Amino acid sequence: MREVRLAFYKATGASWTDRVISGWTWIFNMFTLGCSHVEIGFFIGGEWRYFSSSIRDGGTRWKDGKELLKNFDRWDVRVKDYPDETVDQMIERAKGIEGLPYDKWGIAGFGTITGLIFNKKSAWYCSEACWYVLFGAWKKRISPRRMWKRTSNEFIELYQKV
């Protein structure tokens, strides 16, 4: 069994874009954690590596856990154990979409019907990529808040930085 982590970036006190993302998706996900970004983490080569998609980084990419979580109090990190084979499959799915661009049109889908029309598997936003890596299924309109809501009963909160 190996641990998989989901790290949700809390929008409280964050940038205006983080607050807008969290606020807009609250409409559809009341009573959830106010978050604006999500990463999925794996222990690879003796260190935690996190995978997601970010407009700041140009799309899907891996990030060192120490760099990502340097301000640990801004993150809600959750953990769950999975069989080794399942974790290997998740990592392979991440590698399969690594380097693809950020899905700006998919983000537009949260506010317009055109976002659903133009949302394609050739570009990814954070929660869309993490959902795919975790479950092996492409899901449109999965916000970080909705992903938190759908996984919070299975994943247990990590209370200290490790």
C-alpha atoms as a PDB file:
ATOM      1  CA  MET A   1       0.000   0.000   0.000  1.00  0.00           C
ATOM      2  CA  ARG A   2       1.198   3.485  -0.851  1.00  0.00           C
ATOM      3  CA  GLU A   3      -0.060   6.869   0.199  1.00  0.00           C
ATOM      4  CA  VAL A   4      -1.587   9.260  -2.334  1.00  0.00           C
ATOM      5  CA  ARG A   5      -2.141  12.881  -1.390  1.00  0.00           C
ATOM      6  CA  LEU A   6      -4.532  15.534  -2.587  1.00  0.00           C
ATOM      7  CA  ALA A   7      -3.468  19.093  -1.797  1.00  0.00           C
ATOM      8  CA  PHE A   8      -6.168  21.771  -2.041  1.00  0.00           C
ATOM      9  CA  TYR A   9      -5.071  25.422  -2.093  1.00  0.00           C
ATOM     10  CA  LYS A  10      -7.186  27.500   0.283  1.00  0.00           C
ATOM     11  CA  ALA A  11      -8.451  30.708  -1.322  1.00  0.00           C
ATOM     12  CA  THR A  12      -8.788  32.616   1.956  1.00  0.00           C
ATOM     13  CA  GLY A  13      -6.317  35.505   1.883  1.00  0.00           C
ATOM     14  CA  ALA A  14      -5.038  34.420  -1.535  1.00  0.00           C
ATOM     15  CA  SER A  15      -4.867  36.390  -4.777  1.00  0.00           C
ATOM     16  CA  TRP A  16      -7.985  37.883  -6.357  1.00  0.00           C
ATOM     17  CA  THR A  17      -7.991  35.177  -9.041  1.00  0.00           C
ATOM     18  CA  ASP A  18      -7.985  32.440  -6.388  1.00  0.00           C
ATOM     19  CA  ARG A  19     -10.865  34.157  -4.582  1.00  0.00           C
ATOM     20  CA  VAL A  20     -12.840  34.514  -7.839  1.00  0.00           C
ATOM     21  CA  ILE A  21     -12.373  30.835  -8.734  1.00  0.00           C
ATOM     22  CA  SER A  22     -13.367  29.718  -5.245  1.00  0.00           C
ATOM     23  CA  GLY A  23     -16.290  32.162  -5.086  1.00  0.00           C
ATOM     24  CA  TRP A  24     -17.708  31.269  -8.486  1.00  0.00           C
ATOM     25  CA  THR A  25     -17.549  27.526  -7.884  1.00  0.00           C
ATOM     26  CA  TRP A  26     -19.110  27.985  -4.410  1.00  0.00           C
ATOM     27  CA  ILE A  27     -22.430  28.586  -6.157  1.00  0.00           C
ATOM     28  CA  PHE A  28     -22.462  24.940  -7.200  1.00  0.00           C
ATOM     29  CA  ASN A  29     -20.701  23.523  -4.122  1.00  0.00           C
ATOM     30  CA  MET A  30     -21.992  25.233  -1.007  1.00  0.00           C
ATOM     31  CA  PHE A  31     -20.577  24.148   2.342  1.00  0.00           C
ATOM     32  CA  THR A  32     -17.259  22.988   0.913  1.00  0.00           C
ATOM     33  CA  LEU A  33     -13.693  24.090   1.541  1.00  0.00           C
ATOM     34  CA  GLY A  34     -12.969  27.449  -0.103  1.00  0.00           C
ATOM     35  CA  CYS A  35     -10.241  26.261  -2.447  1.00  0.00           C
ATOM     36  CA  SER A  36      -9.098  27.329  -5.889  1.00  0.00           C
ATOM     37  CA  HIS A  37      -6.482  24.765  -6.918  1.00  0.00           C
ATOM     38  CA  VAL A  38      -5.692  21.080  -6.415  1.00  0.00           C
ATOM     39  CA  GLU A  39      -2.600  18.885  -6.815  1.00  0.00           C
ATOM     40  CA  ILE A  40      -2.188  15.106  -6.551  1.00  0.00           C
ATOM     41  CA  GLY A  41       0.938  13.847  -4.803  1.00  0.00           C
ATOM     42  CA  PHE A  42       3.009  10.667  -4.958  1.00  0.00           C
ATOM     43  CA  PHE A  43       6.176   9.566  -3.152  1.00  0.00           C
ATOM     44  CA  ILE A  44       8.602   9.064  -6.042  1.00  0.00           C
ATOM     45  CA  GLY A  45      12.358   8.579  -5.789  1.00  0.00           C
ATOM     46  CA  GLY A  46      12.488   9.354  -2.070  1.00  0.00           C
ATOM     47  CA  GLU A  47      10.509  12.613  -2.230  1.00  0.00           C
ATOM     48  CA  TRP A  48       6.978  13.894  -2.632  1.00  0.00           C
ATOM     49  CA  ARG A  49       6.134  14.983  -6.181  1.00  0.00           C
ATOM     50  CA  TYR A  50       2.873  16.684  -7.044  1.00  0.00           C
ATOM     51  CA  PHE A  51       1.088  16.702 -10.374  1.00  0.00           C
ATOM     52  CA  SER A  52      -1.465  19.180 -11.668  1.00  0.00           C
ATOM     53  CA  SER A  53      -2.094  21.799 -14.311  1.00  0.00           C
ATOM     54  CA  SER A  54      -1.417  25.468 -13.716  1.00  0.00           C
ATOM     55  CA  ILE A  55      -1.736  28.504 -15.937  1.00  0.00           C
ATOM     56  CA  ARG A  56       1.360  29.895 -14.186  1.00  0.00           C
ATOM     57  CA  ASP A  57       3.386  26.851 -15.226  1.00  0.00           C
ATOM     58  CA  GLY A  58       1.927  26.587 -18.732  1.00  0.00           C
ATOM     59  CA  GLY A  59      -0.121  23.430 -18.221  1.00  0.00           C
ATOM     60  CA  THR A  60       0.336  19.954 -16.808  1.00  0.00           C
ATOM     61  CA  ARG A  61       3.554  19.407 -14.889  1.00  0.00           C
ATOM     62  CA  TRP A  62       5.220  17.840 -11.843  1.00  0.00           C
ATOM     63  CA  LYS A  63       6.312  19.979  -8.894  1.00  0.00           C
ATOM     64  CA  ASP A  64       8.567  19.196  -5.932  1.00  0.00           C
ATOM     65  CA  GLY A  65       6.553  18.845  -2.722  1.00  0.00           C
ATOM     66  CA  LYS A  66       8.906  21.027  -0.671  1.00  0.00           C
ATOM     67  CA  GLU A  67       8.494  23.860  -3.162  1.00  0.00           C
ATOM     68  CA  LEU A  68       4.748  23.423  -3.531  1.00  0.00           C
ATOM     69  CA  LEU A  69       3.952  23.197   0.187  1.00  0.00           C
ATOM     70  CA  LYS A  70       6.471  25.732   1.497  1.00  0.00           C
ATOM     71  CA  ASN A  71       3.498  27.621   3.005  1.00  0.00           C
ATOM     72  CA  PHE A  72       1.803  24.502   4.377  1.00  0.00           C
ATOM     73  CA  ASP A  73      -0.893  26.473   6.232  1.00  0.00           C
ATOM     74  CA  ARG A  74      -2.330  27.602   2.870  1.00  0.00           C
ATOM     75  CA  TRP A  75      -3.069  24.002   1.879  1.00  0.00           C
ATOM     76  CA  ASP A  76      -5.572  21.362   2.964  1.00  0.00           C
ATOM     77  CA  VAL A  77      -3.631  18.147   2.387  1.00  0.00           C
ATOM     78  CA  ARG A  78      -5.523  14.850   2.461  1.00  0.00           C
ATOM     79  CA  VAL A  79      -4.187  11.297   2.277  1.00  0.00           C
ATOM     80  CA  LYS A  80      -5.405   7.834   1.334  1.00  0.00           C
ATOM     81  CA  ASP A  81      -3.615   4.512   0.873  1.00  0.00           C
ATOM     82  CA  TYR A  82      -3.936   2.623  -2.394  1.00  0.00           C
ATOM     83  CA  PRO A  83      -2.483  -0.678  -3.620  1.00  0.00           C
ATOM     84  CA  ASP A  84       0.945  -0.315  -5.276  1.00  0.00           C
ATOM     85  CA  GLU A  85      -0.389  -1.313  -8.694  1.00  0.00           C
ATOM     86  CA  THR A  86      -3.135   1.336  -8.540  1.00  0.00           C
ATOM     87  CA  VAL A  87      -0.629   4.060  -7.621  1.00  0.00           C
ATOM     88  CA  ASP A  88       1.622   2.990 -10.498  1.00  0.00           C
ATOM     89  CA  GLN A  89      -1.362   3.323 -12.858  1.00  0.00           C
ATOM     90  CA  MET A  90      -2.097   6.829 -11.516  1.00  0.00           C
ATOM     91  CA  ILE A  91       1.501   7.910 -12.064  1.00  0.00           C
ATOM     92  CA  GLU A  92       1.410   6.524 -15.613  1.00  0.00           C
ATOM     93  CA  ARG A  93      -1.792   8.472 -16.333  1.00  0.00           C
ATOM     94  CA  ALA A  94      -0.066  11.642 -15.095  1.00  0.00           C
ATOM     95  CA  LYS A  95       2.945  10.968 -17.318  1.00  0.00           C
ATOM     96  CA  GLY A  96       0.572  10.423 -20.243  1.00  0.00           C
ATOM     97  CA  ILE A  97      -0.802  13.980 -20.056  1.00  0.00           C
ATOM     98  CA  GLU A  98       2.369  15.690 -18.799  1.00  0.00           C
ATOM     99  CA  GLY A  99       3.358  18.740 -20.843  1.00  0.00           C
ATOM    100  CA  LEU A 100      -0.116  19.484 -22.223  1.00  0.00           C
ATOM    101  CA  PRO A 101      -1.310  23.119 -22.126  1.00  0.00           C
ATOM    102  CA  TYR A 102      -3.611  24.715 -19.557  1.00  0.00           C
ATOM    103  CA  ASP A 103      -7.302  24.453 -20.448  1.00  0.00           C
ATOM    104  CA  LYS A 104      -8.528  28.064 -20.588  1.00  0.00           C
ATOM    105  CA  TRP A 105     -11.617  27.064 -22.589  1.00  0.00           C
ATOM    106  CA  GLY A 106     -12.480  24.389 -20.062  1.00  0.00           C
ATOM    107  CA  ILE A 107     -12.370  26.987 -17.299  1.00  0.00           C
ATOM    108  CA  ALA A 108     -14.764  29.101 -19.361  1.00  0.00           C
ATOM    109  CA  GLY A 109     -17.148  26.140 -19.188  1.00  0.00           C
ATOM    110  CA  PHE A 110     -17.897  26.990 -15.568  1.00  0.00           C
ATOM    111  CA  GLY A 111     -19.610  30.191 -16.696  1.00  0.00           C
ATOM    112  CA  THR A 112     -20.657  29.593 -20.281  1.00  0.00           C
ATOM    113  CA  ILE A 113     -21.933  26.826 -22.482  1.00  0.00           C
ATOM    114  CA  THR A 114     -19.065  27.515 -24.913  1.00  0.00           C
ATOM    115  CA  GLY A 115     -16.615  26.161 -22.361  1.00  0.00           C
ATOM    116  CA  LEU A 116     -18.281  22.765 -22.574  1.00  0.00           C
ATOM    117  CA  ILE A 117     -18.156  22.871 -26.352  1.00  0.00           C
ATOM    118  CA  PHE A 118     -14.460  23.755 -26.537  1.00  0.00           C
ATOM    119  CA  ASN A 119     -13.316  21.671 -23.545  1.00  0.00           C
ATOM    120  CA  LYS A 120     -11.019  19.001 -25.017  1.00  0.00           C
ATOM    121  CA  LYS A 121      -8.614  16.362 -23.713  1.00  0.00           C
ATOM    122  CA  SER A 122      -5.684  18.153 -25.386  1.00  0.00           C
ATOM    123  CA  ALA A 123      -5.569  20.750 -22.571  1.00  0.00           C
ATOM    124  CA  TRP A 124      -6.259  20.448 -18.836  1.00  0.00           C
ATOM    125  CA  TYR A 125      -7.069  22.593 -15.799  1.00  0.00           C
ATOM    126  CA  CYS A 126      -5.999  21.475 -12.322  1.00  0.00           C
ATOM    127  CA  SER A 127      -8.980  19.549 -10.992  1.00  0.00           C
ATOM    128  CA  GLU A 128      -9.728  18.027 -14.386  1.00  0.00           C
ATOM    129  CA  ALA A 129      -6.156  16.643 -14.573  1.00  0.00           C
ATOM    130  CA  CYS A 130      -6.137  15.449 -10.956  1.00  0.00           C
ATOM    131  CA  TRP A 131      -9.525  13.737 -11.338  1.00  0.00           C
ATOM    132  CA  TYR A 132      -8.257  11.952 -14.444  1.00  0.00           C
ATOM    133  CA  VAL A 133      -5.055  10.819 -12.705  1.00  0.00           C
ATOM    134  CA  LEU A 134      -6.939   9.652  -9.603  1.00  0.00           C
ATOM    135  CA  PHE A 135      -9.900   7.900 -11.237  1.00  0.00           C
ATOM    136  CA  GLY A 136      -8.833   7.272 -14.836  1.00  0.00           C
ATOM    137  CA  ALA A 137     -11.851   9.137 -16.224  1.00  0.00           C
ATOM    138  CA  TRP A 138     -12.081  12.523 -17.906  1.00  0.00           C
ATOM    139  CA  LYS A 139     -14.604  14.753 -16.135  1.00  0.00           C
ATOM    140  CA  LYS A 140     -15.763  18.144 -17.375  1.00  0.00           C
ATOM    141  CA  ARG A 141     -16.707  20.870 -14.902  1.00  0.00           C
ATOM    142  CA  ILE A 142     -14.959  19.352 -11.917  1.00  0.00           C
ATOM    143  CA  SER A 143     -13.829  22.295  -9.800  1.00  0.00           C
ATOM    144  CA  PRO A 144     -11.341  22.052  -6.917  1.00  0.00           C
ATOM    145  CA  ARG A 145     -14.272  22.604  -4.528  1.00  0.00           C
ATOM    146  CA  ARG A 146     -16.316  19.804  -6.092  1.00  0.00           C
ATOM    147  CA  MET A 147     -13.305  17.493  -6.083  1.00  0.00           C
ATOM    148  CA  TRP A 148     -12.753  18.269  -2.390  1.00  0.00           C
ATOM    149  CA  LYS A 149     -16.422  17.488  -1.716  1.00  0.00           C
ATOM    150  CA  ARG A 150     -16.341  14.199  -3.617  1.00  0.00           C
ATOM    151  CA  THR A 151     -13.101  12.935  -2.036  1.00  0.00           C
ATOM    152  CA  SER A 152     -13.201  14.373   1.512  1.00  0.00           C
ATOM    153  CA  ASN A 153     -15.023  11.357   2.961  1.00  0.00           C
ATOM    154  CA  GLU A 154     -12.366   8.932   1.672  1.00  0.00           C
ATOM    155  CA  PHE A 155      -9.216  11.020   2.119  1.00  0.00           C
ATOM    156  CA  ILE A 156      -8.109  11.860   5.653  1.00  0.00           C
ATOM    157  CA  GLU A 157      -6.688  15.282   6.486  1.00  0.00           C
ATOM    158  CA  LEU A 158      -2.927  15.460   7.022  1.00  0.00           C
ATOM    159  CA  TYR A 159      -2.399  17.762  10.002  1.00  0.00           C
ATOM    160  CA  GLN A 160       1.333  18.251   9.873  1.00  0.00           C
ATOM    161  CA  LYS A 161       3.869  18.851   7.145  1.00  0.00           C
ATOM    162  CA  VAL A 162       5.809  15.715   6.371  1.00  0.00           C
END
